């Protein structure tokens, strides 16, 4: 694997991991908010 391709691969991999972490934390926070909202209604 050439150096240039390896750099692009690592960059893409890092980007995907960051996006995945952000999406996951956003989803988990939304779930927490939904639970709190339901408790408030009850």
PDB file of N, CA and C in Angstrom:
ATOM      1  N   UNK A   1       0.859  -1.198   0.000  1.00  0.00           N
ATOM      2  CA  UNK A   1       0.000   0.000   0.000  1.00  0.00           C
ATOM      3  C   UNK A   1       0.894   1.247   0.000  1.00  0.00           C
ATOM      4  N   UNK A   2       0.663   2.147  -0.929  1.00  0.00           N
ATOM      5  CA  UNK A   2       1.484   3.356  -0.999  1.00  0.00           C
ATOM      6  C   UNK A   2       1.163   4.281   0.171  1.00  0.00           C
ATOM      7  N   UNK A   3       2.116   5.163   0.456  1.00  0.00           N
ATOM      8  CA  UNK A   3       1.972   6.072   1.600  1.00  0.00           C
ATOM      9  C   UNK A   3       0.725   6.947   1.462  1.00  0.00           C
ATOM     10  N   UNK A   4       0.500   7.469   0.249  1.00  0.00           N
ATOM     11  CA  UNK A   4      -0.626   8.374   0.014  1.00  0.00           C
ATOM     12  C   UNK A   4      -1.966   7.678   0.261  1.00  0.00           C
ATOM     13  N   UNK A   5      -2.099   6.474  -0.256  1.00  0.00           N
ATOM     14  CA  UNK A   5      -3.342   5.715  -0.070  1.00  0.00           C
ATOM     15  C   UNK A   5      -3.541   5.396   1.406  1.00  0.00           C
ATOM     16  N   UNK A   6      -2.448   5.050   2.091  1.00  0.00           N
ATOM     17  CA  UNK A   6      -2.530   4.725   3.511  1.00  0.00           C
ATOM     18  C   UNK A   6      -3.002   5.936   4.315  1.00  0.00           C
ATOM     19  N   UNK A   7      -2.477   7.121   3.991  1.00  0.00           N
ATOM     20  CA  UNK A   7      -2.880   8.349   4.680  1.00  0.00           C
ATOM     21  C   UNK A   7      -4.377   8.606   4.488  1.00  0.00           C
ATOM     22  N   UNK A   8      -4.848   8.450   3.255  1.00  0.00           N
ATOM     23  CA  UNK A   8      -6.271   8.680   2.964  1.00  0.00           C
ATOM     24  C   UNK A   8      -7.143   7.663   3.689  1.00  0.00           C
ATOM     25  N   UNK A   9      -6.669   6.416   3.738  1.00  0.00           N
ATOM     26  CA  UNK A   9      -7.413   5.361   4.426  1.00  0.00           C
ATOM     27  C   UNK A   9      -7.524   5.666   5.916  1.00  0.00           C
ATOM     28  N   UNK A  10      -6.401   6.056   6.531  1.00  0.00           N
ATOM     29  CA  UNK A  10      -6.408   6.366   7.961  1.00  0.00           C
ATOM     30  C   UNK A  10      -7.289   7.575   8.250  1.00  0.00           C
ATOM     31  N   UNK A  11      -7.246   8.581   7.366  1.00  0.00           N
ATOM     32  CA  UNK A  11      -8.077   9.766   7.540  1.00  0.00           C
ATOM     33  C   UNK A  11      -9.556   9.396   7.483  1.00  0.00           C
ATOM     34  N   UNK A  12      -9.930   8.596   6.487  1.00  0.00           N
ATOM     35  CA  UNK A  12     -11.324   8.174   6.342  1.00  0.00           C
ATOM     36  C   UNK A  12     -11.766   7.356   7.552  1.00  0.00           C
ATOM     37  N   UNK A  13     -10.894   6.475   8.018  1.00  0.00           N
ATOM     38  CA  UNK A  13     -11.204   5.628   9.163  1.00  0.00           C
ATOM     39  C   UNK A  13     -11.452   6.478  10.407  1.00  0.00           C
ATOM     40  N   UNK A  14     -10.577   7.468  10.630  1.00  0.00           N
ATOM     41  CA  UNK A  14     -10.716   8.364  11.777  1.00  0.00           C
ATOM     42  C   UNK A  14     -12.010   9.162  11.676  1.00  0.00           C
ATOM     43  N   UNK A  15     -12.295   9.650  10.474  1.00  0.00           N
ATOM     44  CA  UNK A  15     -13.501  10.442  10.245  1.00  0.00           C
ATOM     45  C   UNK A  15     -14.750   9.622  10.554  1.00  0.00           C
ATOM     46  N   UNK A  16     -14.782   8.380  10.065  1.00  0.00           N
ATOM     47  CA  UNK A  16     -15.934   7.506  10.299  1.00  0.00           C
ATOM     48  C   UNK A  16     -16.106   7.227  11.790  1.00  0.00           C
ATOM     49  N   UNK A  17     -14.991   7.002  12.495  1.00  0.00           N
ATOM     50  CA  UNK A  17     -15.066   6.749  13.938  1.00  0.00           C
ATOM     51  C   UNK A  17     -15.617   7.963  14.673  1.00  0.00           C
ATOM     52  N   UNK A  18     -15.147   9.168  14.296  1.00  0.00           N
ATOM     53  CA  UNK A  18     -15.611  10.397  14.941  1.00  0.00           C
ATOM     54  C   UNK A  18     -17.108  10.598  14.705  1.00  0.00           C
ATOM     55  N   UNK A  19     -17.532  10.417  13.459  1.00  0.00           N
ATOM     56  CA  UNK A  19     -18.953  10.572  13.123  1.00  0.00           C
ATOM     57  C   UNK A  19     -19.781   9.542  13.889  1.00  0.00           C
ATOM     58  N   UNK A  20     -19.270   8.321  13.966  1.00  0.00           N
ATOM     59  CA  UNK A  20     -19.973   7.266  14.696  1.00  0.00           C
ATOM     60  C   UNK A  20     -20.121   7.594  16.172  1.00  0.00           C
ATOM     61  N   UNK A  21     -19.045   8.102  16.784  1.00  0.00           N
ATOM     62  CA  UNK A  21     -19.097   8.470  18.200  1.00  0.00           C
ATOM     63  C   UNK A  21     -20.093   9.598  18.432  1.00  0.00           C
ATOM     64  N   UNK A  22     -20.066  10.600  17.539  1.00  0.00           N
ATOM     65  CA  UNK A  22     -20.970  11.742  17.669  1.00  0.00           C
ATOM     66  C   UNK A  22     -22.421  11.293  17.533  1.00  0.00           C
ATOM     67  N   UNK A  23     -22.691  10.459  16.540  1.00  0.00           N
ATOM     68  CA  UNK A  23     -24.046   9.961  16.322  1.00  0.00           C
ATOM     69  C   UNK A  23     -24.513   9.135  17.513  1.00  0.00           C
ATOM     70  N   UNK A  24     -23.625   8.311  18.044  1.00  0.00           N
ATOM     71  CA  UNK A  24     -23.974   7.457  19.177  1.00  0.00           C
ATOM     72  C   UNK A  24     -24.282   8.290  20.416  1.00  0.00           C
ATOM     73  N   UNK A  25     -23.438   9.277  20.721  1.00  0.00           N
ATOM     74  CA  UNK A  25     -23.670  10.105  21.900  1.00  0.00           C
ATOM     75  C   UNK A  25     -24.940  10.936  21.730  1.00  0.00           C
ATOM     76  N   UNK A  26     -25.197  11.415  20.509  1.00  0.00           N
ATOM     77  CA  UNK A  26     -26.420  12.166  20.241  1.00  0.00           C
ATOM     78  C   UNK A  26     -27.643  11.285  20.474  1.00  0.00           C
ATOM     79  N   UNK A  27     -27.581  10.051  19.981  1.00  0.00           N
ATOM     80  CA  UNK A  27     -28.687   9.102  20.142  1.00  0.00           C
ATOM     81  C   UNK A  27     -28.923   8.791  21.612  1.00  0.00           C
ATOM     82  N   UNK A  28     -27.845   8.545  22.363  1.00  0.00           N
ATOM     83  CA  UNK A  28     -27.977   8.227  23.785  1.00  0.00           C
ATOM     84  C   UNK A  28     -28.539   9.416  24.553  1.00  0.00           C
ATOM     85  N   UNK A  29     -28.095  10.623  24.229  1.00  0.00           N
ATOM     86  CA  UNK A  29     -28.623  11.815  24.888  1.00  0.00           C
ATOM     87  C   UNK A  29     -30.104  11.988  24.586  1.00  0.00           C
ATOM     88  N   UNK A  30     -30.505  11.700  23.350  1.00  0.00           N
ATOM     89  CA  UNK A  30     -31.913  11.811  22.966  1.00  0.00           C
ATOM     90  C   UNK A  30     -32.754  10.815  23.753  1.00  0.00           C
ATOM     91  N   UNK A  31     -32.227   9.602  23.931  1.00  0.00           N
ATOM     92  CA  UNK A  31     -32.944   8.599  24.717  1.00  0.00           C
ATOM     93  C   UNK A  31     -33.125   9.086  26.150  1.00  0.00           C
ATOM     94  N   UNK A  32     -32.083   9.678  26.738  1.00  0.00           N
ATOM     95  CA  UNK A  32     -32.168  10.207  28.106  1.00  0.00           C
ATOM     96  C   UNK A  32     -33.230  11.291  28.186  1.00  0.00           C
ATOM     97  N   UNK A  33     -33.244  12.187  27.211  1.00  0.00           N
ATOM     98  CA  UNK A  33     -34.223  13.267  27.202  1.00  0.00           C
ATOM     99  C   UNK A  33     -35.638  12.712  27.090  1.00  0.00           C
ATOM    100  N   UNK A  34     -35.832  11.699  26.260  1.00  0.00           N
ATOM    101  CA  UNK A  34     -37.149  11.079  26.112  1.00  0.00           C
ATOM    102  C   UNK A  34     -37.607  10.463  27.426  1.00  0.00           C
ATOM    103  N   UNK A  35     -36.704   9.806  28.142  1.00  0.00           N
ATOM    104  CA  UNK A  35     -37.044   9.180  29.421  1.00  0.00           C
ATOM    105  C   UNK A  35     -37.429  10.255  30.440  1.00  0.00           C
ATOM    106  N   UNK A  36     -36.645  11.332  30.504  1.00  0.00           N
ATOM    107  CA  UNK A  36     -36.940  12.421  31.437  1.00  0.00           C
ATOM    108  C   UNK A  36     -38.285  13.064  31.100  1.00  0.00           C
ATOM    109  N   UNK A  37     -38.560  13.229  29.813  1.00  0.00           N
ATOM    110  CA  UNK A  37     -39.805  13.846  29.371  1.00  0.00           C
ATOM    111  C   UNK A  37     -40.997  12.986  29.784  1.00  0.00           C
ATOM    112  N   UNK A  38     -40.880  11.674  29.630  1.00  0.00           N
ATOM    113  CA  UNK A  38     -41.959  10.765  30.011  1.00  0.00           C
ATOM    114  C   UNK A  38     -42.192  10.798  31.519  1.00  0.00           C
ATOM    115  N   UNK A  39     -41.119  10.888  32.299  1.00  0.00           N
ATOM    116  CA  UNK A  39     -41.261  10.969  33.756  1.00  0.00           C
ATOM    117  C   UNK A  39     -42.007  12.246  34.138  1.00  0.00           C
ATOM    118  N   UNK A  40     -41.727  13.335  33.432  1.00  0.00           N
ATOM    119  CA  UNK A  40     -42.378  14.610  33.714  1.00  0.00           C
ATOM    120  C   UNK A  40     -43.877  14.549  33.455  1.00  0.00           C
ATOM    121  N   UNK A  41     -44.298  13.796  32.450  1.00  0.00           N
ATOM    122  CA  UNK A  41     -45.719  13.690  32.121  1.00  0.00           C
ATOM    123  C   UNK A  41     -46.471  12.854  33.141  1.00  0.00           C
ATOM    124  N   UNK A  42     -45.827  11.805  33.651  1.00  0.00           N
ATOM    125  CA  UNK A  42     -46.502  10.862  34.545  1.00  0.00           C
ATOM    126  C   UNK A  42     -46.862  11.502  35.884  1.00  0.00           C
TER     127      UNK A  42
END
